[in-house]
């Protein structure tokens, strides 16, 4: 794998930590699955039980991307983080402009 892609992946993994708390759980799960596929490879554990809903959801998110190559998972992860960061920036700008009045 190209060193530049690996470095970009590390950069966006750090940026993902700064996503707003309003980021949807579904988006976080997509990132989780892609991250695990990029760093570990195809899922290598049994599905958690019914009484572990969070772990089960994370396992399911990883299972969805099973079979993707490391490069594919990294590229999709980077794109998803970019999309979420752009969406959060746009939401912030809209919130700020909506709260400004010139009366």
Protein backbone atom coordinates (compact mmCIF):
# COMPACT_ATOMS: atom_id res chain seq x y z
CA UNK A 1 0.00 0.00 0.00
CA UNK A 2 1.23 3.47 -0.81
CA UNK A 3 2.80 5.34 2.10
CA UNK A 4 0.93 8.54 1.14
CA UNK A 5 -2.44 6.77 1.43
CA UNK A 6 -1.48 5.38 4.84
CA UNK A 7 -0.45 8.85 6.04
CA UNK A 8 -3.69 10.38 4.77
CA UNK A 9 -5.62 7.62 6.54
CA UNK A 10 -3.86 8.43 9.83
CA UNK A 11 -4.61 12.12 9.33
CA UNK A 12 -8.32 11.51 8.76
CA UNK A 13 -8.52 9.02 11.61
CA UNK A 14 -7.36 11.88 13.85
CA UNK A 15 -9.80 14.31 12.23
CA UNK A 16 -12.63 11.82 12.80
CA UNK A 17 -12.07 12.22 16.54
CA UNK A 18 -13.14 15.86 16.23
CA UNK A 19 -16.49 15.15 14.59
CA UNK A 20 -19.32 16.85 16.46
CA UNK A 21 -21.34 14.96 19.03
CA UNK A 22 -24.33 15.41 16.72
CA UNK A 23 -22.81 12.97 14.21
CA UNK A 24 -25.37 10.24 13.62
CA UNK A 25 -24.72 6.81 15.08
CA UNK A 26 -25.23 5.27 11.63
CA UNK A 27 -22.36 7.41 10.28
CA UNK A 28 -20.15 6.50 13.23
CA UNK A 29 -20.84 2.83 12.57
CA UNK A 30 -19.89 3.18 8.91
CA UNK A 31 -16.60 4.75 9.99
CA UNK A 32 -16.05 2.01 12.56
CA UNK A 33 -16.57 -0.76 10.01
CA UNK A 34 -14.30 0.84 7.45
CA UNK A 35 -11.62 1.55 10.07
CA UNK A 36 -11.62 -2.05 11.28
CA UNK A 37 -11.52 -3.38 7.71
CA UNK A 38 -8.62 -1.02 6.92
CA UNK A 39 -6.61 -1.87 10.02
CA UNK A 40 -7.50 -5.51 10.80
CA UNK A 41 -8.98 -6.90 7.60
CA UNK A 42 -12.05 -9.09 7.34
CA UNK A 43 -13.97 -9.69 10.53
CA UNK A 44 -12.32 -12.31 12.70
CA UNK A 45 -14.64 -12.65 15.71
CA UNK A 46 -18.03 -14.15 16.44
CA UNK A 47 -21.07 -11.89 16.52
CA UNK A 48 -21.73 -10.58 20.04
CA UNK A 49 -24.82 -11.72 21.84
CA UNK A 50 -28.22 -10.09 22.04
CA UNK A 51 -27.40 -8.46 25.37
CA UNK A 52 -24.49 -6.48 23.91
CA UNK A 53 -26.34 -4.21 21.45
CA UNK A 54 -23.51 -1.70 20.99
CA UNK A 55 -20.90 -4.35 20.30
CA UNK A 56 -23.35 -6.15 18.04
CA UNK A 57 -23.99 -2.99 16.00
CA UNK A 58 -20.25 -2.42 15.64
CA UNK A 59 -19.74 -6.04 14.57
CA UNK A 60 -22.55 -5.70 12.00
CA UNK A 61 -20.98 -2.50 10.62
CA UNK A 62 -17.67 -4.30 10.16
CA UNK A 63 -19.38 -7.31 8.58
CA UNK A 64 -20.98 -5.08 5.93
CA UNK A 65 -17.56 -4.11 4.54
CA UNK A 66 -16.04 -7.57 4.81
CA UNK A 67 -14.10 -8.47 1.69
CA UNK A 68 -13.06 -4.93 0.77
CA UNK A 69 -9.35 -4.52 0.25
CA UNK A 70 -7.38 -2.44 2.71
CA UNK A 71 -6.96 0.27 0.07
CA UNK A 72 -10.71 0.36 -0.68
CA UNK A 73 -11.58 0.58 3.00
CA UNK A 74 -9.05 3.37 3.56
CA UNK A 75 -10.25 5.37 0.56
CA UNK A 76 -13.89 5.03 1.62
CA UNK A 77 -13.03 5.93 5.22
CA UNK A 78 -11.23 9.10 4.13
CA UNK A 79 -14.13 10.11 1.87
CA UNK A 80 -16.68 9.49 4.63
CA UNK A 81 -14.74 11.60 7.13
CA UNK A 82 -14.41 14.40 4.54
CA UNK A 83 -18.17 14.22 3.91
CA UNK A 84 -19.01 14.34 7.61
CA UNK A 85 -16.60 17.20 8.29
CA UNK A 86 -18.03 19.20 5.38
CA UNK A 87 -21.58 18.54 6.57
CA UNK A 88 -20.73 19.63 10.11
CA UNK A 89 -19.05 22.79 8.80
CA UNK A 90 -22.08 23.62 6.65
CA UNK A 91 -24.43 22.99 9.58
CA UNK A 92 -22.34 25.29 11.75
CA UNK A 93 -22.36 28.03 9.10
CA UNK A 94 -26.13 27.71 8.68
CA UNK A 95 -26.67 27.81 12.44
CA UNK A 96 -24.53 30.92 12.76
CA UNK A 97 -26.16 32.76 9.88
CA UNK A 98 -29.63 31.89 11.14
CA UNK A 99 -28.92 33.36 14.56
CA UNK A 100 -27.67 36.73 13.29
CA UNK A 101 -30.22 39.50 13.09
CA UNK A 102 -29.70 43.09 12.05
CA UNK A 103 -32.74 44.74 13.61
